[in-house]
Structures are given as structure tokens and as C-alpha cells.
């Protein structure tokens, strides 16, 4: 008799946990164990994450030439001589700018938007989920939402790559309208040499990632169950990969929540 899908998912979660512990060493195992025990001892200590997703404002929809609706939000400020435009990273959404948004709120005009296929924006065709298209989307946001105001562009990870591509294709904007750029945790290239998994060379990872994602896309329900079953492991992985230093657990939960919202198909695209 074939095992039930939920049982298989739980088993996969356990296997993934064991594999991660073997790859990450004893320190990772201790940290994971501490997280699980902490959850069991006191559920009341878990953070209420609503505050991170409750900072909202209105903004016009931007409809790209291929029909994707980009969700935007505008925070007006007392000083409107310069506008801050935030471009988030891969598998995140505009909520990731929570702390920066609160810091500048009421002071400077701020524009946020969800990249195509992310957050509240519409889904894109897979072949257009590429940096050149993201740069064109950013250019359209500048034209339709920002207008002629002076701009400081702020990009994280894939958002930083998007800004760099815009500088490459439309250099006339920089120094004129775009008066400054801030880039965080990003790269101008050579990403094929980088691997997010310790012990696996970058070019090996790039070869196996695409067929692996294609295989997982064929069993989306199983993957969704596995994601939920491996929430404790997900916490440890997020903390290790997304943060360079110790942060409060609720910050890790905040990042994990955003990552969990991204559909597997979009990750693959």
C-alpha cells in the first residue's frame, strides 16, 4: 500500500532535517534543537508578525507592456525635493523595507513596489523573469509614479542588480534625475561561481538547481506540505543565510514569512 502524501511529506521533512544537520555540523543541530525546545516550552513567546505587514499606503498600479500589474505604494513626506525608491530582492516583497520605511516616514517621499511575480504584483511569464525586464519595469515606475522628481534608488540583492542594469541601459538618468544609489548585498555578475549551500561549488549548484526545481514543480502539494513540516529547519536556514549577525527571533520569523509566501513556480522562474 502506498504511503499517504502527508506522511511522505513529513518523512521528506525529517530526511531534509537530518541531511542539513549532517552538512551543517553539530552547531547547527544544537541551534535547531534549541529552537524546537523553545517553541514547545512557551508558545506565548512567539512574536506577533502583524506589525511587519501592517505598514501600508496607496499607490497607482503600473501596467507593463506585457500586461503585468505592478503594485506600488507611496509614502508622502514633508521634504519632497527628493524621492527614495526602494527595490526589493529575490523571493521577498516591499514589506522587507519595514524598518527603513518607518525611519524615513513623514520626512521624505518614498516609493515602494513589488517586483513582477512577487508580493501583490501580477504573475509574469517565465521568460520575462529576468534582470533586463526588471530594469525596464523600474524605468516605468520612475516614469509613471515618480515623475520628474530627483531620486535616490535603493536596491537589495536582485533589486540592486535591477538598478545596475538600469544604469547600463539608461545611463542618462544617472547624475540627472538619479542623484544617488544605495546597493545592499548584491552583485554585478559572476553569480554562477556562487553557491548558497556550503560545500557545493557554485557551478555545480547552478547545474543541478534548474532540473531540481523542475522536478519539485511537478509535485507542488508535496512541497507545500514539506515546507510546513520543516518550519523549524526553515528558521535555522533563514537565520544562517539571511542575517550576518544575531537578530531577535521575530526578525527571522518575519523573513521566513515573506519567503514562505513566494510560490515555488516563481522561485523556479
C-alpha atoms as a PDB file:
ATOM      1  CA  UNK A   1       0.000   0.000   0.000  1.00  0.00           C
ATOM      2  CA  UNK A   2       1.418   3.398  -0.992  1.00  0.00           C
ATOM      3  CA  UNK A   3       2.035   5.814   1.896  1.00  0.00           C
ATOM      4  CA  UNK A   4      -0.215   8.823   2.217  1.00  0.00           C
ATOM      5  CA  UNK A   5       1.075  12.054   0.730  1.00  0.00           C
ATOM      6  CA  UNK A   6       1.143  13.807   4.116  1.00  0.00           C
ATOM      7  CA  UNK A   7       3.238  11.005   5.585  1.00  0.00           C
ATOM      8  CA  UNK A   8       5.641  11.217   2.676  1.00  0.00           C
ATOM      9  CA  UNK A   9       5.922  14.975   3.163  1.00  0.00           C
ATOM     10  CA  UNK A  10       6.667  14.558   6.850  1.00  0.00           C
ATOM     11  CA  UNK A  11       9.230  11.928   6.051  1.00  0.00           C
ATOM     12  CA  UNK A  12      10.864  14.195   3.498  1.00  0.00           C
ATOM     13  CA  UNK A  13      10.963  16.949   6.093  1.00  0.00           C
ATOM     14  CA  UNK A  14      12.726  14.635   8.541  1.00  0.00           C
ATOM     15  CA  UNK A  15      15.163  13.444   5.894  1.00  0.00           C
ATOM     16  CA  UNK A  16      15.910  17.052   4.935  1.00  0.00           C
ATOM     17  CA  UNK A  17      16.481  17.901   8.568  1.00  0.00           C
ATOM     18  CA  UNK A  18      18.909  15.020   9.038  1.00  0.00           C
ATOM     19  CA  UNK A  19      20.763  15.926   5.841  1.00  0.00           C
ATOM     20  CA  UNK A  20      21.032  19.556   6.925  1.00  0.00           C
ATOM     21  CA  UNK A  21      22.358  18.552  10.330  1.00  0.00           C
ATOM     22  CA  UNK A  22      24.984  16.347   8.724  1.00  0.00           C
ATOM     23  CA  UNK A  23      26.030  19.108   6.325  1.00  0.00           C
ATOM     24  CA  UNK A  24      25.916  21.934   8.829  1.00  0.00           C
ATOM     25  CA  UNK A  25      27.596  20.178  11.736  1.00  0.00           C
ATOM     26  CA  UNK A  26      26.896  19.945  15.436  1.00  0.00           C
ATOM     27  CA  UNK A  27      26.444  23.698  15.906  1.00  0.00           C
ATOM     28  CA  UNK A  28      23.508  23.752  13.503  1.00  0.00           C
ATOM     29  CA  UNK A  29      21.967  20.751  15.261  1.00  0.00           C
ATOM     30  CA  UNK A  30      22.227  22.420  18.651  1.00  0.00           C
ATOM     31  CA  UNK A  31      20.657  25.583  17.316  1.00  0.00           C
ATOM     32  CA  UNK A  32      17.783  23.701  15.698  1.00  0.00           C
ATOM     33  CA  UNK A  33      17.190  21.715  18.863  1.00  0.00           C
ATOM     34  CA  UNK A  34      17.151  24.891  20.949  1.00  0.00           C
ATOM     35  CA  UNK A  35      14.573  26.412  18.595  1.00  0.00           C
ATOM     36  CA  UNK A  36      12.270  23.374  18.757  1.00  0.00           C
ATOM     37  CA  UNK A  37      12.509  23.069  22.536  1.00  0.00           C
ATOM     38  CA  UNK A  38      11.880  26.789  22.932  1.00  0.00           C
ATOM     39  CA  UNK A  39       8.716  26.527  20.868  1.00  0.00           C
ATOM     40  CA  UNK A  40       7.423  23.626  22.920  1.00  0.00           C
ATOM     41  CA  UNK A  41       8.142  25.307  26.263  1.00  0.00           C
ATOM     42  CA  UNK A  42       6.476  28.638  25.564  1.00  0.00           C
ATOM     43  CA  UNK A  43       4.257  29.331  22.607  1.00  0.00           C
ATOM     44  CA  UNK A  44       3.463  32.728  24.101  1.00  0.00           C
ATOM     45  CA  UNK A  45       6.993  33.923  23.336  1.00  0.00           C
ATOM     46  CA  UNK A  46       6.366  33.775  19.598  1.00  0.00           C
ATOM     47  CA  UNK A  47       6.208  37.229  18.036  1.00  0.00           C
ATOM     48  CA  UNK A  48       3.089  38.724  16.566  1.00  0.00           C
ATOM     49  CA  UNK A  49       4.170  39.411  12.994  1.00  0.00           C
ATOM     50  CA  UNK A  50       1.210  41.589  12.026  1.00  0.00           C
ATOM     51  CA  UNK A  51       3.178  44.770  12.754  1.00  0.00           C
ATOM     52  CA  UNK A  52       5.631  43.950   9.972  1.00  0.00           C
ATOM     53  CA  UNK A  53       2.911  43.654   7.338  1.00  0.00           C
ATOM     54  CA  UNK A  54       0.608  46.446   8.520  1.00  0.00           C
ATOM     55  CA  UNK A  55       2.521  49.466   7.210  1.00  0.00           C
ATOM     56  CA  UNK A  56       0.505  50.244   4.093  1.00  0.00           C
ATOM     57  CA  UNK A  57      -0.218  53.194   1.805  1.00  0.00           C
ATOM     58  CA  UNK A  58      -1.920  53.829  -1.521  1.00  0.00           C
ATOM     59  CA  UNK A  59      -0.158  53.917  -4.854  1.00  0.00           C
ATOM     60  CA  UNK A  60      -1.138  53.666  -8.528  1.00  0.00           C
ATOM     61  CA  UNK A  61      -0.998  50.351 -10.344  1.00  0.00           C
ATOM     62  CA  UNK A  62       1.620  50.259 -13.080  1.00  0.00           C
ATOM     63  CA  UNK A  63       0.691  48.088 -16.059  1.00  0.00           C
ATOM     64  CA  UNK A  64       3.686  46.851 -18.039  1.00  0.00           C
ATOM     65  CA  UNK A  65       3.593  46.362 -21.840  1.00  0.00           C
ATOM     66  CA  UNK A  66       3.189  42.593 -21.339  1.00  0.00           C
ATOM     67  CA  UNK A  67       0.176  43.136 -19.069  1.00  0.00           C
ATOM     68  CA  UNK A  68       1.700  42.549 -15.616  1.00  0.00           C
ATOM     69  CA  UNK A  69       0.202  44.820 -12.951  1.00  0.00           C
ATOM     70  CA  UNK A  70       2.873  46.139 -10.586  1.00  0.00           C
ATOM     71  CA  UNK A  71       1.679  47.029  -7.079  1.00  0.00           C
ATOM     72  CA  UNK A  72       3.096  50.324  -5.792  1.00  0.00           C
ATOM     73  CA  UNK A  73       2.810  52.279  -2.550  1.00  0.00           C
ATOM     74  CA  UNK A  74       3.736  55.905  -1.859  1.00  0.00           C
ATOM     75  CA  UNK A  75       4.556  57.485   1.487  1.00  0.00           C
ATOM     76  CA  UNK A  76       4.494  61.277   1.214  1.00  0.00           C
ATOM     77  CA  UNK A  77       6.939  63.352   3.242  1.00  0.00           C
ATOM     78  CA  UNK A  78       7.482  66.936   4.309  1.00  0.00           C
ATOM     79  CA  UNK A  79      10.540  67.252   2.062  1.00  0.00           C
ATOM     80  CA  UNK A  80       9.520  66.278  -1.482  1.00  0.00           C
ATOM     81  CA  UNK A  81      12.585  67.594  -3.315  1.00  0.00           C
ATOM     82  CA  UNK A  82      13.961  64.041  -3.425  1.00  0.00           C
ATOM     83  CA  UNK A  83      12.171  60.691  -3.613  1.00  0.00           C
ATOM     84  CA  UNK A  84      13.506  57.429  -2.232  1.00  0.00           C
ATOM     85  CA  UNK A  85      12.672  54.456  -4.480  1.00  0.00           C
ATOM     86  CA  UNK A  86      13.110  51.018  -2.889  1.00  0.00           C
ATOM     87  CA  UNK A  87      13.653  47.873  -4.996  1.00  0.00           C
ATOM     88  CA  UNK A  88      13.442  44.623  -3.024  1.00  0.00           C
ATOM     89  CA  UNK A  89      15.236  41.334  -3.565  1.00  0.00           C
ATOM     90  CA  UNK A  90      14.511  37.843  -4.854  1.00  0.00           C
ATOM     91  CA  UNK A  91      11.625  35.958  -3.224  1.00  0.00           C
ATOM     92  CA  UNK A  92      10.750  38.927  -0.970  1.00  0.00           C
ATOM     93  CA  UNK A  93       8.319  41.841  -1.303  1.00  0.00           C
ATOM     94  CA  UNK A  94       8.112  45.523  -0.432  1.00  0.00           C
ATOM     95  CA  UNK A  95       7.407  44.684   3.223  1.00  0.00           C
ATOM     96  CA  UNK A  96      11.106  43.863   3.631  1.00  0.00           C
ATOM     97  CA  UNK A  97      11.780  47.622   3.849  1.00  0.00           C
ATOM     98  CA  UNK A  98       9.749  47.848   7.080  1.00  0.00           C
ATOM     99  CA  UNK A  99      12.409  49.466   9.260  1.00  0.00           C
ATOM    100  CA  UNK A 100      13.717  51.855   6.607  1.00  0.00           C
ATOM    101  CA  UNK A 101      10.168  52.854   5.756  1.00  0.00           C
ATOM    102  CA  UNK A 102       9.343  53.745   9.341  1.00  0.00           C
ATOM    103  CA  UNK A 103      12.635  55.618   9.756  1.00  0.00           C
ATOM    104  CA  UNK A 104      12.004  57.980   6.811  1.00  0.00           C
ATOM    105  CA  UNK A 105       8.201  58.120   7.075  1.00  0.00           C
ATOM    106  CA  UNK A 106       6.911  61.675   7.195  1.00  0.00           C
ATOM    107  CA  UNK A 107      10.330  63.082   6.337  1.00  0.00           C
ATOM    108  CA  UNK A 108      10.954  62.112   2.711  1.00  0.00           C
ATOM    109  CA  UNK A 109       8.756  60.933  -0.128  1.00  0.00           C
ATOM    110  CA  UNK A 110       9.131  57.166  -0.511  1.00  0.00           C
ATOM    111  CA  UNK A 111       8.058  54.849  -3.336  1.00  0.00           C
ATOM    112  CA  UNK A 112       7.839  51.084  -2.911  1.00  0.00           C
ATOM    113  CA  UNK A 113       6.738  48.421  -5.366  1.00  0.00           C
ATOM    114  CA  UNK A 114       6.567  44.647  -5.622  1.00  0.00           C
ATOM    115  CA  UNK A 115       8.626  43.225  -8.465  1.00  0.00           C
ATOM    116  CA  UNK A 116       6.757  41.199 -11.068  1.00  0.00           C
ATOM    117  CA  UNK A 117       5.567  37.823  -9.719  1.00  0.00           C
ATOM    118  CA  UNK A 118       6.348  38.973  -6.169  1.00  0.00           C
ATOM    119  CA  UNK A 119       4.088  40.212  -3.389  1.00  0.00           C
ATOM    120  CA  UNK A 120       0.903  41.886  -4.636  1.00  0.00           C
ATOM    121  CA  UNK A 121       2.115  42.320  -8.217  1.00  0.00           C
ATOM    122  CA  UNK A 122       0.839  40.137 -11.021  1.00  0.00           C
ATOM    123  CA  UNK A 123       2.455  36.961 -12.305  1.00  0.00           C
ATOM    124  CA  UNK A 124       4.852  37.182 -15.206  1.00  0.00           C
ATOM    125  CA  UNK A 125       5.687  34.810 -17.995  1.00  0.00           C
ATOM    126  CA  UNK A 126       8.757  32.818 -17.018  1.00  0.00           C
ATOM    127  CA  UNK A 127      10.880  34.076 -19.899  1.00  0.00           C
ATOM    128  CA  UNK A 128      10.415  37.680 -18.714  1.00  0.00           C
ATOM    129  CA  UNK A 129      11.559  36.942 -15.154  1.00  0.00           C
ATOM    130  CA  UNK A 130      14.999  38.301 -15.980  1.00  0.00           C
ATOM    131  CA  UNK A 131      17.099  41.267 -14.856  1.00  0.00           C
ATOM    132  CA  UNK A 132      16.729  43.216 -18.154  1.00  0.00           C
ATOM    133  CA  UNK A 133      12.935  43.121 -17.827  1.00  0.00           C
ATOM    134  CA  UNK A 134      13.093  44.108 -14.151  1.00  0.00           C
ATOM    135  CA  UNK A 135      15.153  47.138 -15.152  1.00  0.00           C
ATOM    136  CA  UNK A 136      12.511  48.115 -17.698  1.00  0.00           C
ATOM    137  CA  UNK A 137       9.843  47.736 -15.003  1.00  0.00           C
ATOM    138  CA  UNK A 138      11.825  50.041 -12.713  1.00  0.00           C
ATOM    139  CA  UNK A 139      12.145  52.598 -15.501  1.00  0.00           C
ATOM    140  CA  UNK A 140       8.366  52.515 -15.985  1.00  0.00           C
ATOM    141  CA  UNK A 141       7.819  53.005 -12.234  1.00  0.00           C
ATOM    142  CA  UNK A 142      10.118  56.030 -12.345  1.00  0.00           C
ATOM    143  CA  UNK A 143       8.188  57.481 -15.266  1.00  0.00           C
ATOM    144  CA  UNK A 144       4.653  56.837 -14.031  1.00  0.00           C
ATOM    145  CA  UNK A 145       4.963  57.044 -10.239  1.00  0.00           C
ATOM    146  CA  UNK A 146       7.951  59.278  -9.514  1.00  0.00           C
ATOM    147  CA  UNK A 147       7.736  61.658 -12.450  1.00  0.00           C
ATOM    148  CA  UNK A 148      10.458  64.269 -12.796  1.00  0.00           C
ATOM    149  CA  UNK A 149      11.452  64.381  -9.113  1.00  0.00           C
ATOM    150  CA  UNK A 150      15.051  63.773  -8.120  1.00  0.00           C
ATOM    151  CA  UNK A 151      15.580  60.193  -6.990  1.00  0.00           C
ATOM    152  CA  UNK A 152      17.755  58.068  -4.759  1.00  0.00           C
ATOM    153  CA  UNK A 153      17.495  54.403  -5.756  1.00  0.00           C
ATOM    154  CA  UNK A 154      17.864  51.797  -3.010  1.00  0.00           C
ATOM    155  CA  UNK A 155      18.221  48.154  -4.000  1.00  0.00           C
ATOM    156  CA  UNK A 156      18.719  44.887  -2.134  1.00  0.00           C
ATOM    157  CA  UNK A 157      20.103  41.765  -3.820  1.00  0.00           C
ATOM    158  CA  UNK A 158      18.159  41.289  -7.069  1.00  0.00           C
ATOM    159  CA  UNK A 159      16.874  44.832  -6.631  1.00  0.00           C
ATOM    160  CA  UNK A 160      20.461  46.068  -6.685  1.00  0.00           C
ATOM    161  CA  UNK A 161      21.096  44.093  -9.873  1.00  0.00           C
ATOM    162  CA  UNK A 162      17.989  45.735 -11.360  1.00  0.00           C
ATOM    163  CA  UNK A 163      19.358  49.202 -10.584  1.00  0.00           C
ATOM    164  CA  UNK A 164      22.762  48.355 -12.070  1.00  0.00           C
ATOM    165  CA  UNK A 165      21.096  47.104 -15.248  1.00  0.00           C
ATOM    166  CA  UNK A 166      19.109  50.355 -15.465  1.00  0.00           C
ATOM    167  CA  UNK A 167      22.372  52.297 -15.164  1.00  0.00           C
ATOM    168  CA  UNK A 168      23.807  50.211 -18.003  1.00  0.00           C
ATOM    169  CA  UNK A 169      20.857  50.650 -20.359  1.00  0.00           C
ATOM    170  CA  UNK A 170      19.800  54.209 -19.456  1.00  0.00           C
ATOM    171  CA  UNK A 171      22.933  55.989 -18.210  1.00  0.00           C
ATOM    172  CA  UNK A 172      21.436  59.404 -18.982  1.00  0.00           C
ATOM    173  CA  UNK A 173      19.226  59.074 -15.881  1.00  0.00           C
ATOM    174  CA  UNK A 174      22.171  58.892 -13.515  1.00  0.00           C
ATOM    175  CA  UNK A 175      23.574  62.211 -12.376  1.00  0.00           C
ATOM    176  CA  UNK A 176      20.495  63.985 -13.702  1.00  0.00           C
ATOM    177  CA  UNK A 177      17.329  62.517 -12.189  1.00  0.00           C
ATOM    178  CA  UNK A 178      19.019  59.778 -10.190  1.00  0.00           C
ATOM    179  CA  UNK A 179      21.204  61.648  -7.677  1.00  0.00           C
ATOM    180  CA  UNK A 180      22.269  58.694  -5.575  1.00  0.00           C
ATOM    181  CA  UNK A 181      22.238  54.897  -5.331  1.00  0.00           C
ATOM    182  CA  UNK A 182      22.450  52.535  -2.356  1.00  0.00           C
ATOM    183  CA  UNK A 183      23.190  48.870  -3.025  1.00  0.00           C
ATOM    184  CA  UNK A 184      22.884  46.163  -0.359  1.00  0.00           C
ATOM    185  CA  UNK A 185      24.017  42.510  -0.561  1.00  0.00           C
ATOM    186  CA  UNK A 186      24.131  42.444  -4.341  1.00  0.00           C
ATOM    187  CA  UNK A 187      26.466  41.620  -7.217  1.00  0.00           C
ATOM    188  CA  UNK A 188      27.287  42.929 -10.677  1.00  0.00           C
ATOM    189  CA  UNK A 189      27.924  39.427 -12.026  1.00  0.00           C
ATOM    190  CA  UNK A 190      29.768  36.112 -11.696  1.00  0.00           C
ATOM    191  CA  UNK A 191      26.868  34.636  -9.737  1.00  0.00           C
ATOM    192  CA  UNK A 192      27.477  31.275 -11.393  1.00  0.00           C
ATOM    193  CA  UNK A 193      30.532  30.935  -9.172  1.00  0.00           C
ATOM    194  CA  UNK A 194      28.474  31.377  -6.009  1.00  0.00           C
ATOM    195  CA  UNK A 195      26.593  28.658  -4.166  1.00  0.00           C
ATOM    196  CA  UNK A 196      24.185  29.286  -1.269  1.00  0.00           C
ATOM    197  CA  UNK A 197      24.946  25.783   0.068  1.00  0.00           C
ATOM    198  CA  UNK A 198      28.253  25.314   1.824  1.00  0.00           C
ATOM    199  CA  UNK A 199      30.329  22.500   0.372  1.00  0.00           C
ATOM    200  CA  UNK A 200      28.723  22.573  -3.091  1.00  0.00           C
ATOM    201  CA  UNK A 201      30.699  24.548  -5.729  1.00  0.00           C
ATOM    202  CA  UNK A 202      28.793  27.348  -7.423  1.00  0.00           C
ATOM    203  CA  UNK A 203      28.907  25.916 -10.922  1.00  0.00           C
ATOM    204  CA  UNK A 204      27.784  22.525  -9.646  1.00  0.00           C
ATOM    205  CA  UNK A 205      24.869  24.162  -7.843  1.00  0.00           C
ATOM    206  CA  UNK A 206      23.864  26.102 -10.975  1.00  0.00           C
ATOM    207  CA  UNK A 207      23.787  22.850 -12.977  1.00  0.00           C
ATOM    208  CA  UNK A 208      21.586  20.969 -10.527  1.00  0.00           C
ATOM    209  CA  UNK A 209      19.295  23.829  -9.463  1.00  0.00           C
ATOM    210  CA  UNK A 210      17.223  24.026 -12.651  1.00  0.00           C
ATOM    211  CA  UNK A 211      16.398  20.287 -13.020  1.00  0.00           C
ATOM    212  CA  UNK A 212      15.769  20.096  -9.264  1.00  0.00           C
ATOM    213  CA  UNK A 213      13.271  22.974  -9.400  1.00  0.00           C
ATOM    214  CA  UNK A 214      11.619  21.415 -12.459  1.00  0.00           C
ATOM    215  CA  UNK A 215      11.167  18.148 -10.560  1.00  0.00           C
ATOM    216  CA  UNK A 216       9.741  19.890  -7.485  1.00  0.00           C
ATOM    217  CA  UNK A 217       7.337  21.856  -9.666  1.00  0.00           C
ATOM    218  CA  UNK A 218       5.707  18.575 -10.643  1.00  0.00           C
ATOM    219  CA  UNK A 219       4.694  17.886  -7.019  1.00  0.00           C
ATOM    220  CA  UNK A 220       3.690  21.334  -5.649  1.00  0.00           C
ATOM    221  CA  UNK A 221       1.323  19.987  -2.984  1.00  0.00           C
ATOM    222  CA  UNK A 222       4.003  17.659  -1.639  1.00  0.00           C
ATOM    223  CA  UNK A 223       6.478  20.535  -1.475  1.00  0.00           C
ATOM    224  CA  UNK A 224       3.955  22.741   0.326  1.00  0.00           C
ATOM    225  CA  UNK A 225       3.460  20.027   2.967  1.00  0.00           C
ATOM    226  CA  UNK A 226       7.204  19.644   3.286  1.00  0.00           C
ATOM    227  CA  UNK A 227       7.640  23.382   3.751  1.00  0.00           C
ATOM    228  CA  UNK A 228       5.230  23.355   6.663  1.00  0.00           C
ATOM    229  CA  UNK A 229       6.719  20.206   8.180  1.00  0.00           C
ATOM    230  CA  UNK A 230      10.201  21.714   8.024  1.00  0.00           C
ATOM    231  CA  UNK A 231       9.355  25.067   9.622  1.00  0.00           C
ATOM    232  CA  UNK A 232      11.940  24.663  12.400  1.00  0.00           C
ATOM    233  CA  UNK A 233      14.638  23.768   9.905  1.00  0.00           C
ATOM    234  CA  UNK A 234      13.482  26.693   7.765  1.00  0.00           C
ATOM    235  CA  UNK A 235      14.009  29.025  10.714  1.00  0.00           C
ATOM    236  CA  UNK A 236      17.622  27.899  11.132  1.00  0.00           C
ATOM    237  CA  UNK A 237      18.375  28.088   7.401  1.00  0.00           C
ATOM    238  CA  UNK A 238      16.841  31.569   7.129  1.00  0.00           C
ATOM    239  CA  UNK A 239      18.803  32.794  10.122  1.00  0.00           C
ATOM    240  CA  UNK A 240      22.036  31.389   8.696  1.00  0.00           C
ATOM    241  CA  UNK A 241      21.611  32.637   5.131  1.00  0.00           C
ATOM    242  CA  UNK A 242      19.693  35.899   5.567  1.00  0.00           C
ATOM    243  CA  UNK A 243      21.392  37.511   8.550  1.00  0.00           C
ATOM    244  CA  UNK A 244      25.053  38.280   9.142  1.00  0.00           C
ATOM    245  CA  UNK A 245      24.722  38.583  12.911  1.00  0.00           C
ATOM    246  CA  UNK A 246      22.429  37.622  15.768  1.00  0.00           C
ATOM    247  CA  UNK A 247      18.985  39.217  15.500  1.00  0.00           C
ATOM    248  CA  UNK A 248      15.770  38.841  17.514  1.00  0.00           C
ATOM    249  CA  UNK A 249      13.844  35.663  16.587  1.00  0.00           C
ATOM    250  CA  UNK A 250      10.893  37.711  15.346  1.00  0.00           C
ATOM    251  CA  UNK A 251      13.109  39.240  12.647  1.00  0.00           C
ATOM    252  CA  UNK A 252      13.920  35.752  11.400  1.00  0.00           C
ATOM    253  CA  UNK A 253      10.236  34.814  11.531  1.00  0.00           C
ATOM    254  CA  UNK A 254       9.471  37.981   9.541  1.00  0.00           C
ATOM    255  CA  UNK A 255      11.905  36.995   6.791  1.00  0.00           C
ATOM    256  CA  UNK A 256      10.673  33.389   6.847  1.00  0.00           C
ATOM    257  CA  UNK A 257       7.088  34.554   6.430  1.00  0.00           C
ATOM    258  CA  UNK A 258       7.951  36.533   3.310  1.00  0.00           C
ATOM    259  CA  UNK A 259       9.928  33.641   1.842  1.00  0.00           C
ATOM    260  CA  UNK A 260       7.080  31.206   2.559  1.00  0.00           C
ATOM    261  CA  UNK A 261       4.655  33.407   0.608  1.00  0.00           C
ATOM    262  CA  UNK A 262       6.538  33.088  -2.666  1.00  0.00           C
ATOM    263  CA  UNK A 263       5.138  30.278  -4.860  1.00  0.00           C
ATOM    264  CA  UNK A 264       7.565  27.556  -5.857  1.00  0.00           C
ATOM    265  CA  UNK A 265       6.841  28.266  -9.529  1.00  0.00           C
ATOM    266  CA  UNK A 266       8.038  31.834  -9.083  1.00  0.00           C
ATOM    267  CA  UNK A 267      11.199  30.641  -7.335  1.00  0.00           C
ATOM    268  CA  UNK A 268      11.873  28.454 -10.365  1.00  0.00           C
ATOM    269  CA  UNK A 269      11.083  31.264 -12.842  1.00  0.00           C
END
